[in-house]
Structures are given as C-alpha cells and as structure tokens.
Amino acid sequence: MTNEKNIKESFSKIKEDINSLKYDINSLKTQQNPRVENSGKKRGLITGITGQDGAYLAEFLLNKGYEVYGFHRRTSMDVFDRIGHLRKEIKLVEGDVTDLGSIIRVIKEINPDEIYNLAAQSFVPDSWTQPISTVEINALGVINILEAIRILNPRIKFYQASTSEMFGKVHETPQTENTLFHPRSPYAASKAFGYYITQNYRESYNIFACNGVLFNHESSKRGKQFVTRKISHSVAKIKLGYQEYFEIGNMDAKRDWGYAGDYVEAMWLMMQKEKSDNYVIGTGETHSVREFIEESFKMVGMPIKWEGKGINEVGKYKDRIVVKVSPKFYRPAEVDYLLANPAKAKKVLGWTPKTKFKELVKMMVESDLDRLKKYGLQEEDKSRLDSH
C-alpha cells in the first residue's frame, strides 16, 4: 500500500506541475507584452553566444545591421572572453535552454525575427561521461525552443546547429543531405534527435526551421580541449619552450575541417530563403589528425617525422620527441572518416568556403604563438600536458 500511495502522490505532483506550466504559458500569452521597444532593425537571438560560433555569428549579424541578443546561462565564471569586443553592441539575456519557462520569457520579451540555436554540450568525449546532461541540452533544449516558438509566435525563423558527427559510421562517402545517420556517441545521438525534431516541427506546424549539418569548423576561438586547438596551442608552447611534448589519441581519423568564420555566413543564408530546409556545410576536403599535427609543426619551422606503430608511435623533431600517442584519448566508438558534399549549399544558397586547410592551420598556430608571446603562459595552461 505504501508503494501505491507513493506512486499516486508522484503522479499527482506531476499533474500539478503540468497544470502550473500551462497556467504560466497562458499567462505569458495573455499578459501585456513586455517586449523591448522596436528599433526597426531585424532581431537575432543567439543561444550559445559565448561559444566559438556564437562569437562569429554575433559579429556577422551586427555587420548586417541586426539587433543582436545573446542567450546565456548564468555562471560564476567569466565566459565572455570570445565576445568581449562586442559587449557594448549586443544585448545579453540570461536563461537556460533546458528550462522552458526562461525560454518563453526571453522570446516573449524580445520577439526576435530569427533564433539561432547554437547552445550545446559540444565536446564529444564528455558525452560519454555526462550522457544525461548532454541529452538534456542537445535534445530537449531544441524542443523547448521549438515549443516556445509554436506557442508564442510561429513566424519566428529557427536555425538548429546540427553536426556531421551524426553520420558516425558512415554509410556513404561523401556525405550529403540524404546520407543515413549512424551516431557513434551520446553527443551525436542527442544531436540526431535535435535534427529530426526540427524537421518534424517544420512539417507539422509549418514553422520555418532549418538544420545546418556543419562539418568540423575551427578557429583561434576554439576551446583548447578540442583536438585542433589542442594541437595548435601545444605546438606554440613547444616552439616557445613552455612544453616538451603533447599526447594525442587516434591520429588517423579524418575530418572535413573548415573555418568557423566562413560557416556562420551559411547559417545566415539558410535563414534568408523563402522555405526552410536541411543543408550540409563543409569544404569537400578531408584531412587526418596526423596531417593537422604535421602542418602545425611546419608552420613553426619544426618538421617532424614519425617512428613506431600504434600506441608506441611518436613524432620527433630532430631527435626530440614532441608527440606521443596515449590510449586515454581514444574514443569508445570512433568516427573514422567524414567528408562533406556541400553541392546543395553552393547551388541553393550560393555559399562556398573561403578558407583552405593550410590557411586555417596557419591562422590558429600564429594566433596561439602571438598570445603566448604577448601574455605568456596563463594559469590554466601551466600543466605540462593538456588534460584533454
């Protein structure tokens, strides 16, 4: 009887919460609109504005004459370094994509013309150790925003940041908008839900909702835990004598790497079309992690050679070991080969990438060198080896 009573009480509490949420939504729909004064400019709301893509997109939209709002989650740390130069031009609003109430409040207040959902737990290795929070942000966060749009203003345009990681164990090469998904991580699986629910709301409610299936896109604003920035930053530290070597996982994984600054233009172009759709965005070239390492060392005048095999392989500059392989950086399920076919984006959007692979590597390595020369080794960089 006790278990039955507890179950009934739990269901009663859930029912109360649902009724309360319905009341809150109805109140928001009927109360006097507290939205900010209309400036006559287009309004863009960016979730995940403190990330790499958020920073580039904010700057891009400002240059297009938009009023830009950045949706961010409160934190005790300063996470605005990437958008520091834009702080006076953008308007920051607090909220959390996992909290429907805060999304409704912000959309009600701003009533944006376009919403770009870039918020995500985007570091793939963490999705194995934090699968629940990854799904809450990457999957439920998407449906929360779409529901808010459906309830408040179905005319708002919506962009969902999808990912090439959804292709996973690829079924064909190169990958197109019609290639089957085979996710190989909780991150990719959560993103696949976000992709399909975006498409579903487009078809079910006639909402302008598009998916940008972006292949790997990098820059000097990339977090240091991501492999490309880890490489560029480590090479710069080795060149300047701050570090002896760095450790890496699977060097033979291949990715279609582009420049994030180019890719935000593709996001915007999707949102300007008469009808929403899904688009693959990439360069049409693939390079291995090994190639990225080799090119980075060439940029600082330290060409390396490889010796050994498997986990015993090392990269040497002259007789000095500067790269080691470590099993701790291998993924439980690897994505071996990603290569985009961006033909649709070129034909429909008129978009083509401007930055080549070697230019991207050069840009990242030189940026890290310049920062280290100017500011020295920062507190978070003082460990001899990168932790991710």
Protein backbone atom coordinates (compact mmCIF):
# COMPACT_ATOMS: atom_id res chain seq x y z
CA MET A 1 0.00 0.00 0.00
CA THR A 2 2.85 2.35 0.77
CA ASN A 3 4.31 1.98 -2.75
CA GLU A 4 0.88 2.51 -4.30
CA LYS A 5 0.38 5.64 -2.19
CA ASN A 6 3.82 6.98 -3.21
CA ILE A 7 3.09 6.36 -6.89
CA LYS A 8 -0.26 8.17 -6.64
CA GLU A 9 1.42 11.11 -4.88
CA SER A 10 4.11 11.25 -7.57
CA PHE A 11 1.55 11.30 -10.38
CA SER A 12 -0.44 13.95 -8.52
CA LYS A 13 2.69 16.11 -8.24
CA ILE A 14 3.47 15.69 -11.95
CA LYS A 15 -0.12 16.70 -12.80
CA GLU A 16 0.21 19.81 -10.62
CA ASP A 17 3.50 20.75 -12.33
CA ILE A 18 1.93 20.35 -15.79
CA ASN A 19 -1.10 22.46 -14.84
CA SER A 20 1.21 25.08 -13.36
CA LEU A 21 3.26 25.20 -16.57
CA LYS A 22 0.07 25.52 -18.64
CA TYR A 23 -1.01 28.41 -16.45
CA ASP A 24 2.38 30.11 -16.82
CA ILE A 25 2.26 29.74 -20.61
CA ASN A 26 -1.30 31.07 -20.85
CA SER A 27 -0.38 33.97 -18.60
CA LEU A 28 2.58 34.82 -20.82
CA LYS A 29 0.38 34.73 -23.90
CA THR A 30 -2.32 37.00 -22.47
CA GLN A 31 -0.44 39.44 -20.25
CA GLN A 32 0.69 42.82 -21.54
CA ASN A 33 3.64 42.28 -23.83
CA PRO A 34 6.80 43.47 -22.04
CA ARG A 35 8.91 43.29 -25.21
CA VAL A 36 11.63 45.85 -25.76
CA GLU A 37 10.95 48.85 -27.96
CA ASN A 38 11.12 48.15 -31.68
CA SER A 39 14.15 49.77 -33.30
CA GLY A 40 13.13 48.86 -36.85
CA LYS A 41 16.12 46.52 -37.16
CA LYS A 42 15.91 42.77 -37.61
CA ARG A 43 16.35 40.96 -34.32
CA GLY A 44 18.51 37.90 -33.96
CA LEU A 45 18.58 35.78 -30.79
CA ILE A 46 21.63 33.53 -30.43
CA THR A 47 21.73 30.75 -27.86
CA GLY A 48 25.26 29.63 -27.00
CA ILE A 49 26.59 33.09 -27.83
CA THR A 50 29.66 32.61 -25.62
CA GLY A 51 30.98 29.79 -27.80
CA GLN A 52 33.14 29.94 -30.91
CA ASP A 53 30.25 30.02 -33.40
CA GLY A 54 28.21 32.39 -31.26
CA ALA A 55 31.01 34.95 -31.29
CA TYR A 56 31.45 34.82 -35.08
CA LEU A 57 27.71 34.83 -35.74
CA ALA A 58 27.10 37.79 -33.42
CA GLU A 59 29.72 39.83 -35.25
CA PHE A 60 28.32 38.75 -38.63
CA LEU A 61 24.76 39.75 -37.74
CA LEU A 62 25.88 43.10 -36.31
CA ASN A 63 27.62 43.83 -39.61
CA LYS A 64 24.33 43.00 -41.36
CA GLY A 65 22.55 45.64 -39.28
CA TYR A 66 20.82 43.29 -36.84
CA GLU A 67 19.92 43.95 -33.23
CA VAL A 68 21.67 41.00 -31.59
CA TYR A 69 20.59 39.30 -28.37
CA GLY A 70 22.75 36.68 -26.70
CA PHE A 71 21.05 33.98 -24.63
CA HIS A 72 23.42 32.64 -21.98
CA ARG A 73 23.33 30.60 -18.80
CA ARG A 74 24.37 32.27 -15.55
CA THR A 75 27.73 31.07 -14.26
CA SER A 76 30.16 32.18 -11.57
CA MET A 77 32.95 32.29 -14.16
CA ASP A 78 33.60 34.93 -16.79
CA VAL A 79 32.76 33.18 -20.06
CA PHE A 80 32.53 36.26 -22.26
CA ASP A 81 36.13 36.42 -23.47
CA ARG A 82 35.19 35.48 -27.05
CA ILE A 83 32.63 38.30 -27.29
CA GLY A 84 34.42 40.86 -25.14
CA HIS A 85 34.89 43.22 -28.09
CA LEU A 86 31.14 43.06 -28.84
CA ARG A 87 29.74 43.53 -25.33
CA LYS A 88 28.66 47.12 -25.97
CA GLU A 89 26.87 46.20 -29.19
CA ILE A 90 24.96 43.08 -28.18
CA LYS A 91 22.30 42.63 -25.52
CA LEU A 92 22.82 39.68 -23.18
CA VAL A 93 19.83 37.88 -21.66
CA GLU A 94 20.01 35.13 -19.05
CA GLY A 95 18.30 31.80 -19.50
CA ASP A 96 18.77 28.08 -19.95
CA VAL A 97 17.66 26.01 -22.92
CA THR A 98 16.71 23.18 -20.55
CA ASP A 99 14.23 25.49 -18.81
CA LEU A 100 11.13 26.12 -20.95
CA GLY A 101 9.95 28.95 -18.72
CA SER A 102 13.09 31.01 -19.23
CA ILE A 103 12.95 30.48 -23.00
CA ILE A 104 9.32 31.61 -23.14
CA ARG A 105 10.12 34.66 -21.02
CA VAL A 106 13.01 35.76 -23.25
CA ILE A 107 11.19 35.16 -26.54
CA LYS A 108 8.11 36.95 -25.20
CA GLU A 109 10.24 39.95 -24.24
CA ILE A 110 12.37 40.17 -27.38
CA ASN A 111 10.08 38.69 -30.06
CA PRO A 112 13.05 38.01 -32.37
CA ASP A 113 12.80 37.59 -36.13
CA GLU A 114 15.37 34.79 -36.09
CA ILE A 115 16.63 32.36 -33.46
CA TYR A 116 19.96 30.61 -33.94
CA ASN A 117 20.27 27.66 -31.57
CA LEU A 118 23.99 27.12 -31.04
CA ALA A 119 23.70 26.07 -27.39
CA ALA A 120 25.12 22.60 -26.83
CA GLN A 121 27.32 20.32 -24.79
CA SER A 122 29.60 20.01 -27.80
CA PHE A 123 32.72 18.25 -26.53
CA VAL A 124 32.22 14.67 -27.75
CA PRO A 125 34.35 12.84 -25.10
CA ASP A 126 32.31 14.44 -22.28
CA SER A 127 29.12 12.99 -23.73
CA TRP A 128 30.20 9.51 -22.59
CA THR A 129 30.84 10.68 -19.02
CA GLN A 130 27.85 13.08 -18.95
CA PRO A 131 25.26 11.48 -21.25
CA ILE A 132 22.15 12.70 -19.39
CA SER A 133 23.10 16.37 -19.30
CA THR A 134 24.26 16.11 -22.93
CA VAL A 135 20.81 14.88 -23.96
CA GLU A 136 19.02 17.47 -21.83
CA ILE A 137 20.89 20.33 -23.53
CA ASN A 138 21.30 19.00 -27.06
CA ALA A 139 17.93 17.27 -27.49
CA LEU A 140 15.39 18.62 -25.01
CA GLY A 141 16.83 22.13 -25.38
CA VAL A 142 15.88 22.09 -29.06
CA ILE A 143 12.28 21.02 -28.50
CA ASN A 144 11.92 23.60 -25.72
CA ILE A 145 12.77 26.40 -28.14
CA LEU A 146 10.56 25.00 -30.88
CA GLU A 147 7.64 24.66 -28.46
CA ALA A 148 8.11 28.26 -27.33
CA ILE A 149 8.07 29.40 -30.96
CA ARG A 150 4.95 27.35 -31.68
CA ILE A 151 3.15 28.77 -28.64
CA LEU A 152 4.22 32.41 -28.87
CA ASN A 153 4.95 33.26 -32.49
CA PRO A 154 5.17 30.60 -35.24
CA ARG A 155 6.50 33.23 -37.65
CA ILE A 156 9.89 33.30 -35.89
CA LYS A 157 12.57 31.62 -38.00
CA PHE A 158 14.65 28.91 -36.34
CA TYR A 159 18.14 27.59 -37.10
CA GLN A 160 19.37 24.37 -35.49
CA ALA A 161 23.11 23.72 -35.32
CA SER A 162 23.40 20.10 -36.39
CA THR A 163 26.64 18.21 -36.83
CA SER A 164 28.49 15.84 -39.14
CA GLU A 165 29.07 13.59 -36.10
CA MET A 166 25.54 12.29 -36.73
CA PHE A 167 26.87 10.42 -39.78
CA GLY A 168 29.21 8.49 -37.48
CA LYS A 169 29.92 5.11 -39.01
CA VAL A 170 29.33 6.47 -42.48
CA HIS A 171 27.07 4.69 -44.97
CA GLU A 172 28.43 6.57 -48.00
CA THR A 173 31.20 8.99 -48.94
CA PRO A 174 30.97 11.91 -49.35
CA GLN A 175 28.06 12.65 -47.03
CA THR A 176 25.05 14.60 -48.31
CA GLU A 177 21.66 15.73 -47.01
CA ASN A 178 20.32 12.26 -47.89
CA THR A 179 23.01 10.17 -46.19
CA LEU A 180 21.77 7.96 -43.36
CA PHE A 181 22.83 8.79 -39.80
CA HIS A 182 24.72 6.27 -37.67
CA PRO A 183 25.65 8.14 -34.44
CA ARG A 184 28.70 6.83 -32.58
CA SER A 185 28.45 8.87 -29.36
CA PRO A 186 25.80 10.18 -26.96
CA TYR A 187 26.61 13.62 -28.36
CA ALA A 188 25.83 12.55 -31.93
CA ALA A 189 22.68 10.68 -30.85
CA SER A 190 21.39 13.73 -28.98
CA LYS A 191 22.10 15.92 -32.00
CA ALA A 192 20.23 13.49 -34.25
CA PHE A 193 17.13 14.00 -32.09
CA GLY A 194 17.57 17.77 -32.41
CA TYR A 195 17.81 17.40 -36.19
CA TYR A 196 14.71 15.26 -36.53
CA ILE A 197 12.55 17.28 -34.13
CA THR A 198 13.48 20.45 -36.05
CA GLN A 199 12.39 18.78 -39.27
CA ASN A 200 9.24 17.48 -37.57
CA TYR A 201 8.15 20.93 -36.36
CA ARG A 202 8.71 22.28 -39.86
CA GLU A 203 6.46 19.64 -41.34
CA SER A 204 3.89 19.52 -38.52
CA TYR A 205 3.41 23.22 -37.76
CA ASN A 206 4.77 24.94 -40.87
CA ILE A 207 7.46 26.65 -38.78
CA PHE A 208 10.49 27.99 -40.62
CA ALA A 209 13.01 25.57 -39.10
CA CYS A 210 16.26 24.66 -40.81
CA ASN A 211 19.13 22.32 -39.98
CA GLY A 212 22.71 23.25 -40.75
CA VAL A 213 24.68 19.99 -40.76
CA LEU A 214 28.05 21.60 -40.22
CA PHE A 215 31.21 19.58 -40.60
CA ASN A 216 34.14 20.39 -38.31
CA HIS A 217 34.81 24.12 -38.26
CA GLU A 218 37.68 25.61 -36.31
CA SER A 219 39.35 28.91 -35.46
CA SER A 220 41.55 30.62 -32.90
CA LYS A 221 38.39 30.95 -30.76
CA ARG A 222 38.06 27.17 -30.48
CA GLY A 223 38.24 25.76 -26.94
CA LYS A 224 41.61 24.26 -26.03
CA GLN A 225 40.06 20.88 -25.24
CA PHE A 226 39.14 20.37 -28.92
CA VAL A 227 41.76 18.46 -30.88
CA THR A 228 42.64 21.16 -33.45
CA ARG A 229 43.13 23.88 -30.85
CA LYS A 230 44.91 21.46 -28.55
CA ILE A 231 47.37 20.83 -31.40
CA SER A 232 47.89 24.48 -32.38
CA HIS A 233 48.27 25.59 -28.77
CA SER A 234 50.61 22.73 -27.85
CA VAL A 235 52.80 23.31 -30.91
CA ALA A 236 53.06 27.01 -29.98
CA LYS A 237 54.01 26.09 -26.39
CA ILE A 238 56.63 23.60 -27.63
CA LYS A 239 58.09 26.15 -30.04
CA LEU A 240 58.43 28.74 -27.27
CA GLY A 241 59.87 26.28 -24.75
CA TYR A 242 56.87 26.07 -22.44
CA GLN A 243 56.20 22.38 -23.13
CA GLU A 244 58.24 19.35 -24.22
CA TYR A 245 55.58 17.26 -25.94
CA PHE A 246 51.84 16.58 -26.04
CA GLU A 247 49.75 13.43 -26.11
CA ILE A 248 47.11 12.58 -28.70
CA GLY A 249 44.66 9.76 -29.48
CA ASN A 250 43.70 8.42 -32.91
CA MET A 251 45.79 10.31 -35.45
CA ASP A 252 44.31 8.55 -38.47
CA ALA A 253 40.74 9.81 -38.00
CA LYS A 254 39.87 12.08 -40.94
CA ARG A 255 37.72 15.18 -40.83
CA ASP A 256 36.44 17.84 -43.22
CA TRP A 257 37.84 20.93 -41.48
CA GLY A 258 36.75 24.47 -42.34
CA TYR A 259 36.89 27.94 -40.82
CA ALA A 260 34.10 28.87 -38.40
CA GLY A 261 34.05 32.45 -39.68
CA ASP A 262 33.03 31.16 -43.13
CA TYR A 263 30.36 28.84 -41.77
CA VAL A 264 28.29 31.44 -39.91
CA GLU A 265 27.56 33.04 -43.28
CA ALA A 266 25.98 29.75 -44.37
CA MET A 267 23.77 29.78 -41.25
CA TRP A 268 22.51 33.23 -42.11
CA LEU A 269 21.94 32.42 -45.78
CA MET A 270 19.71 29.47 -44.82
CA MET A 271 17.53 31.82 -42.79
CA GLN A 272 17.04 34.22 -45.72
CA LYS A 273 15.44 31.65 -48.02
CA GLU A 274 11.70 31.58 -48.65
CA LYS A 275 11.46 27.97 -47.42
CA SER A 276 13.44 26.25 -44.69
CA ASP A 277 15.43 23.11 -45.41
CA ASN A 278 18.41 20.97 -44.35
CA TYR A 279 21.91 21.78 -45.64
CA VAL A 280 25.29 20.08 -45.42
CA ILE A 281 28.07 22.62 -44.87
CA GLY A 282 31.71 21.65 -45.41
CA THR A 283 34.74 22.14 -47.64
CA GLY A 284 34.65 18.91 -49.67
CA GLU A 285 38.18 18.05 -48.48
CA THR A 286 39.24 15.67 -45.72
CA HIS A 287 42.46 15.59 -43.70
CA SER A 288 43.68 13.37 -40.88
CA VAL A 289 44.60 14.46 -37.37
CA ARG A 290 48.12 13.39 -38.29
CA GLU A 291 48.15 15.89 -41.18
CA PHE A 292 46.95 18.66 -38.87
CA ILE A 293 49.82 17.93 -36.50
CA GLU A 294 52.41 17.81 -39.29
CA GLU A 295 51.18 21.06 -40.86
CA SER A 296 51.16 22.81 -37.46
CA PHE A 297 54.79 21.92 -36.79
CA LYS A 298 55.77 23.01 -40.31
CA MET A 299 54.25 26.43 -39.55
CA VAL A 300 56.77 26.95 -36.74
CA GLY A 301 59.75 25.57 -38.66
CA MET A 302 59.81 22.23 -36.87
CA PRO A 303 59.10 19.47 -39.43
CA ILE A 304 58.51 16.17 -37.67
CA LYS A 305 59.00 12.51 -38.53
CA TRP A 306 57.08 9.52 -37.16
CA GLU A 307 58.60 6.46 -35.54
CA GLY A 308 56.99 3.32 -34.13
CA LYS A 309 53.48 1.96 -34.50
CA GLY A 310 50.17 2.03 -32.62
CA ILE A 311 50.35 3.37 -29.08
CA ASN A 312 54.17 3.31 -29.32
CA GLU A 313 54.25 5.77 -32.21
CA VAL A 314 55.95 9.10 -31.56
CA GLY A 315 56.51 12.28 -33.53
CA LYS A 316 60.07 13.60 -33.47
CA TYR A 317 61.66 16.92 -34.33
CA LYS A 318 65.29 16.01 -34.94
CA ASP A 319 65.99 13.60 -32.01
CA ARG A 320 63.44 15.16 -29.68
CA ILE A 321 60.01 13.59 -29.02
CA VAL A 322 57.28 16.20 -29.38
CA VAL A 323 54.19 13.98 -29.89
CA LYS A 324 53.14 10.80 -28.10
CA VAL A 325 50.11 8.54 -28.57
CA SER A 326 48.01 7.78 -25.49
CA PRO A 327 45.12 5.28 -25.30
CA LYS A 328 43.31 7.53 -22.81
CA PHE A 329 42.39 9.83 -25.70
CA TYR A 330 40.80 7.11 -27.82
CA ARG A 331 37.02 7.21 -28.11
CA PRO A 332 34.89 4.18 -27.11
CA ALA A 333 33.44 4.28 -30.65
CA GLU A 334 35.43 6.17 -33.26
CA VAL A 335 34.22 8.15 -36.26
CA ASP A 336 36.87 7.34 -38.84
CA TYR A 337 36.07 9.34 -41.95
CA LEU A 338 33.96 12.43 -42.58
CA LEU A 339 33.79 14.25 -45.92
CA ALA A 340 31.08 16.71 -46.93
CA ASN A 341 29.42 17.17 -50.27
CA PRO A 342 28.23 20.79 -49.98
CA ALA A 343 26.83 20.92 -53.53
CA LYS A 344 23.32 21.82 -52.36
CA ALA A 345 24.57 24.75 -50.27
CA LYS A 346 26.52 26.04 -53.25
CA LYS A 347 23.58 25.68 -55.63
CA VAL A 348 20.73 26.90 -53.39
CA LEU A 349 22.50 29.29 -51.03
CA GLY A 350 25.35 30.42 -53.25
CA TRP A 351 27.72 29.54 -50.41
CA THR A 352 31.29 28.32 -50.79
CA PRO A 353 34.06 28.15 -48.14
CA LYS A 354 36.78 30.76 -48.50
CA THR A 355 39.49 29.39 -46.17
CA LYS A 356 41.68 26.44 -47.18
CA PHE A 357 43.06 23.83 -44.80
CA LYS A 358 46.63 25.17 -44.67
CA GLU A 359 45.37 28.73 -44.17
CA LEU A 360 43.25 27.54 -41.24
CA VAL A 361 46.17 25.76 -39.58
CA LYS A 362 48.41 28.79 -40.10
CA MET A 363 45.78 31.11 -38.64
CA MET A 364 45.39 29.00 -35.49
CA VAL A 365 49.08 28.37 -34.84
CA GLU A 366 50.06 32.01 -35.41
CA SER A 367 47.27 33.19 -33.11
CA ASP A 368 48.46 30.92 -30.29
CA LEU A 369 52.06 31.99 -30.82
CA ASP A 370 51.09 35.66 -30.68
CA ARG A 371 49.08 35.22 -27.49
CA LEU A 372 51.83 33.30 -25.74
CA LYS A 373 54.45 35.86 -26.76
CA LYS A 374 52.24 38.71 -25.57
CA TYR A 375 50.76 37.30 -22.36
CA GLY A 376 52.98 34.33 -21.52
CA LEU A 377 51.64 31.08 -20.12
CA GLN A 378 48.28 31.63 -18.43
CA GLU A 379 47.28 29.96 -15.17
CA GLU A 380 45.02 27.41 -16.89
CA ASP A 381 47.85 26.48 -19.30
CA LYS A 382 50.55 25.72 -16.75
CA SER A 383 50.14 21.96 -16.67
CA ARG A 384 52.90 20.37 -18.78
CA LEU A 385 50.43 18.32 -20.78
CA ASP A 386 46.96 19.31 -21.93
CA SER A 387 44.31 17.44 -19.95
CA HIS A 388 42.01 16.75 -22.91
